[in-house]
Protein backbone atom coordinates (compact mmCIF):
# COMPACT_ATOMS: atom_id res chain seq x y z
CA MET A 1 25.97 -10.74 15.89
CA LYS A 2 25.12 -11.98 19.40
CA GLU A 3 24.99 -8.40 20.66
CA THR A 4 22.47 -7.56 17.96
CA ARG A 5 20.37 -10.62 18.82
CA ASP A 6 20.39 -9.63 22.49
CA LYS A 7 19.32 -6.10 21.63
CA VAL A 8 16.39 -7.38 19.59
CA LYS A 9 15.38 -9.86 22.29
CA HIS A 10 15.14 -7.21 24.99
CA LEU A 11 13.92 -4.26 22.92
CA ARG A 12 10.62 -3.02 24.36
CA ARG A 13 8.58 0.12 24.58
CA ASP A 14 5.11 0.79 25.89
CA PHE A 15 2.28 2.22 23.82
CA ASP A 16 0.48 5.02 25.61
CA ARG A 17 -0.31 7.62 22.97
CA ASP A 18 -4.06 7.11 22.48
CA THR A 19 -7.11 4.86 22.88
CA LEU A 20 -9.69 3.43 20.51
CA THR A 21 -13.17 2.84 21.90
CA GLU A 22 -16.36 1.82 20.16
CA ALA A 23 -17.68 5.33 20.77
CA GLN A 24 -14.76 6.72 18.75
CA THR A 25 -15.49 4.53 15.73
CA PRO A 26 -18.05 5.64 13.10
CA GLU A 27 -20.43 3.24 11.38
CA ASN A 28 -18.50 3.62 8.11
CA PRO A 29 -14.86 2.50 8.42
CA LEU A 30 -13.82 4.73 5.52
CA GLU A 31 -14.38 7.75 7.77
CA LEU A 32 -11.96 6.41 10.37
CA PHE A 33 -9.51 5.37 7.66
CA GLY A 34 -9.55 8.93 6.32
CA GLU A 35 -9.10 10.43 9.78
CA TRP A 36 -6.14 8.22 10.63
CA LEU A 37 -4.51 8.73 7.24
CA ASP A 38 -4.95 12.49 7.55
CA GLU A 39 -3.33 12.48 10.99
CA ALA A 40 -0.42 10.51 9.57
CA LEU A 41 -0.10 12.95 6.65
CA GLU A 42 -0.13 15.94 9.02
CA SER A 43 2.52 14.40 11.28
CA GLU A 44 6.26 14.32 10.59
CA ILE A 45 6.17 10.64 9.64
CA LYS A 46 8.15 9.84 6.50
CA ASP A 47 6.13 8.25 3.70
CA PRO A 48 2.81 8.20 5.59
CA ASN A 49 1.10 7.01 2.40
CA ALA A 50 3.18 3.81 2.26
CA PHE A 51 1.65 0.43 2.94
CA VAL A 52 2.69 -3.21 2.76
CA LEU A 53 0.89 -5.14 0.03
CA SER A 54 0.87 -8.92 0.49
CA THR A 55 -0.11 -11.35 -2.25
CA TYR A 56 -0.39 -15.14 -2.56
CA ALA A 57 0.29 -17.18 -5.67
CA ASN A 58 1.97 -20.46 -6.61
CA GLY A 59 1.86 -21.56 -2.98
CA GLU A 60 3.96 -18.63 -1.77
CA VAL A 61 3.24 -15.39 0.08
CA ASP A 62 5.01 -12.24 -1.08
CA SER A 63 5.11 -8.69 0.31
CA ARG A 64 6.37 -5.28 -0.73
CA VAL A 65 5.81 -1.60 0.09
CA VAL A 66 3.72 0.51 -2.30
CA LEU A 67 2.02 3.92 -2.08
CA ILE A 68 -1.66 4.78 -1.83
CA ARG A 69 -2.65 7.38 -4.42
CA GLU A 70 -6.42 7.66 -3.90
CA PHE A 71 -9.17 6.19 -1.75
CA SER A 72 -12.96 6.27 -1.80
CA GLU A 73 -15.98 4.10 -1.10
CA GLU A 74 -14.89 2.06 -4.12
CA GLY A 75 -11.50 1.21 -2.63
CA ILE A 76 -7.80 2.05 -2.49
CA GLN A 77 -5.80 2.92 -5.61
CA PHE A 78 -2.15 2.13 -6.28
CA PHE A 79 -0.07 1.98 -9.47
CA THR A 80 2.66 -0.30 -10.77
CA ASN A 81 4.05 -2.27 -13.69
CA TYR A 82 1.52 -4.98 -14.59
CA GLY A 83 4.40 -7.28 -15.55
CA SER A 84 6.05 -6.99 -12.15
CA GLN A 85 6.06 -9.84 -9.66
CA LYS A 86 3.08 -8.39 -7.81
CA GLY A 87 1.26 -7.85 -11.09
CA LYS A 88 1.71 -11.50 -12.06
CA GLU A 89 0.64 -12.67 -8.62
CA LEU A 90 -2.46 -10.47 -8.65
CA ALA A 91 -3.36 -11.80 -12.10
CA GLU A 92 -3.25 -15.34 -10.70
CA ASN A 93 -4.94 -14.55 -7.38
CA PRO A 94 -6.67 -11.15 -7.15
CA GLN A 95 -6.81 -11.18 -3.34
CA ALA A 96 -4.47 -9.13 -1.18
CA ALA A 97 -3.74 -8.02 2.36
CA ILE A 98 -2.76 -4.41 3.04
CA ASN A 99 -1.07 -3.02 6.14
CA PHE A 100 -0.51 0.63 7.02
CA PHE A 101 1.80 1.00 10.04
CA TRP A 102 2.55 4.36 11.65
CA ALA A 103 4.94 3.65 14.52
CA ASP A 104 5.01 7.25 15.74
CA LEU A 105 1.24 7.15 16.19
CA ASP A 106 1.17 3.62 17.66
CA ARG A 107 -1.30 2.67 14.94
CA GLN A 108 -1.82 0.24 12.15
CA ILE A 109 -4.66 -0.53 9.76
CA ARG A 110 -4.98 -4.07 8.44
CA ILE A 111 -7.07 -4.53 5.31
CA LYS A 112 -8.36 -7.42 3.20
CA ALA A 113 -9.36 -6.67 -0.37
CA ARG A 114 -10.18 -8.00 -3.79
CA ILE A 115 -8.01 -6.43 -6.49
CA GLU A 116 -8.97 -5.35 -9.98
CA LYS A 117 -7.37 -3.15 -12.62
CA LEU A 118 -8.46 0.47 -12.83
CA ASP A 119 -9.99 1.94 -15.98
CA GLU A 120 -7.37 2.98 -18.51
CA ALA A 121 -8.53 6.61 -18.32
CA ILE A 122 -7.73 6.72 -14.59
CA SER A 123 -4.31 5.19 -15.19
CA ASP A 124 -3.69 7.70 -17.99
CA ASP A 125 -4.60 10.64 -15.75
CA TYR A 126 -2.29 9.51 -12.97
CA PHE A 127 0.58 8.68 -15.33
CA ASN A 128 0.29 12.13 -16.92
CA SER A 129 0.64 13.72 -13.47
CA ARG A 130 3.97 12.00 -12.76
CA PRO A 131 7.34 13.72 -13.22
CA ARG A 132 8.74 13.19 -16.72
CA GLU A 133 11.73 11.28 -15.33
CA SER A 134 9.38 8.82 -13.63
CA GLN A 135 7.39 8.42 -16.84
CA ILE A 136 10.54 7.53 -18.77
CA GLY A 137 11.61 5.24 -15.94
CA ALA A 138 8.35 3.32 -16.30
CA TRP A 139 9.23 2.58 -19.93
CA ALA A 140 12.85 1.71 -19.15
CA SER A 141 12.24 -0.67 -16.25
CA GLN A 142 11.37 -4.29 -16.96
CA GLN A 143 10.27 -4.50 -13.35
CA SER A 144 11.18 -7.63 -11.38
CA GLN A 145 13.16 -9.14 -14.29
CA THR A 146 16.87 -9.91 -13.95
CA LEU A 147 19.13 -6.91 -14.68
CA GLY A 148 22.70 -7.47 -15.80
CA SER A 149 24.08 -4.20 -14.47
CA ARG A 150 23.14 -0.69 -13.38
CA GLU A 151 24.69 0.58 -16.61
CA GLU A 152 22.21 -1.47 -18.63
CA LEU A 153 19.31 0.25 -16.88
CA GLU A 154 20.82 3.70 -17.33
CA LYS A 155 21.32 2.99 -21.04
CA ARG A 156 17.66 2.07 -21.42
CA VAL A 157 16.68 5.31 -19.66
CA GLU A 158 18.84 7.28 -22.10
CA GLU A 159 17.31 5.47 -25.07
CA TYR A 160 13.73 6.20 -24.02
CA ALA A 161 14.60 9.78 -23.11
CA ALA A 162 15.89 10.23 -26.66
CA GLN A 163 12.85 8.48 -28.15
CA PHE A 164 10.43 10.82 -26.39
CA GLU A 165 12.50 13.99 -26.63
CA GLY A 166 10.23 16.94 -27.38
CA LYS A 167 7.12 14.78 -27.00
CA GLU A 168 4.66 13.85 -24.29
CA VAL A 169 5.47 10.48 -22.75
CA PRO A 170 2.50 8.13 -23.19
CA ARG A 171 1.57 5.57 -20.58
CA PRO A 172 2.91 2.10 -21.44
CA GLU A 173 0.22 -0.56 -21.80
CA PHE A 174 2.10 -2.65 -19.24
CA TRP A 175 1.85 0.05 -16.55
CA GLY A 176 -1.25 1.20 -14.70
CA GLY A 177 -3.41 1.18 -11.62
CA TYR A 178 -5.19 -1.25 -9.37
CA LEU A 179 -8.24 -0.82 -7.19
CA ALA A 180 -8.27 -2.67 -3.87
CA LYS A 181 -11.96 -3.25 -3.09
CA VAL A 182 -11.92 -3.53 0.68
CA TYR A 183 -14.15 -6.02 2.48
CA ALA A 184 -12.48 -5.97 5.91
CA TYR A 185 -10.66 -3.37 8.01
CA GLU A 186 -8.91 -3.74 11.36
CA PHE A 187 -7.95 -0.57 13.24
CA TRP A 188 -5.19 -1.24 15.79
CA GLN A 189 -4.26 1.27 18.48
CA GLY A 190 -1.28 0.38 20.66
CA ARG A 191 -1.96 0.41 24.40
CA GLU A 192 0.01 -0.10 27.60
CA SER A 193 1.11 -3.62 28.63
CA ARG A 194 0.35 -4.87 25.10
CA LEU A 195 -3.39 -4.65 25.83
CA HIS A 196 -4.02 -3.06 22.45
CA ASP A 197 -7.35 -1.86 21.07
CA ARG A 198 -8.47 -3.75 17.96
CA ILE A 199 -11.69 -2.83 16.17
CA VAL A 200 -12.69 -4.84 13.09
CA TYR A 201 -15.18 -3.94 10.36
CA GLU A 202 -16.44 -6.63 7.98
CA SER A 203 -18.66 -6.06 4.97
CA LYS A 204 -21.79 -8.23 4.80
CA ASP A 205 -24.81 -7.73 2.53
CA GLY A 206 -23.88 -4.11 1.87
CA ASN A 207 -23.44 -3.23 5.53
CA TRP A 208 -20.44 -2.93 7.82
CA LEU A 209 -20.44 -5.13 10.93
CA LYS A 210 -18.19 -4.00 13.76
CA LYS A 211 -16.58 -5.97 16.58
CA ARG A 212 -13.70 -5.80 19.05
CA LEU A 213 -10.92 -8.40 19.17
CA TYR A 214 -8.72 -9.53 22.02
CA PRO A 215 -5.26 -7.94 21.69
């Protein structure tokens, strides 16, 4: 254990891959978001579409990793079980923080957003695009609730597979999408000696205001 603690204490690397200047940043942060996401997708990074979603409810902060499925001027889309822990927390407090981190690119994007449910038609379209096994899994999983055993879950999967045999699997009412309506972005580019570049965009009166932060 001490050896591990010592390793963590002295683990360091410098960031020297790229820079981020004001001249490199467009007026609309969505353009830069798309560029950085595309570079991550084109790299060999595993799960480049993964981000940490943080919520706050009942006096506690909670975080988990989810996947971005679409983005536009309206916001960022992700999908889940509405009865899950994050679903309950978002119902109580529809504010969230989002963090994309791509270590191999020395980059992260920090986001603040208001969260709302997507239209049912959008959730239906995405659910219908999922593999059949994942569709059945959505029915079988009582996400975030206590599970007695792995066998219990597998039995539920078998039961729903039998129920929908030879049929299309409909989207459960308790499963669907969210739209994260972004009102603040921070683009972070790692630099040497921890003197990182940090450019923030904040939405005000329909416009994006841009500023640089100390690292």
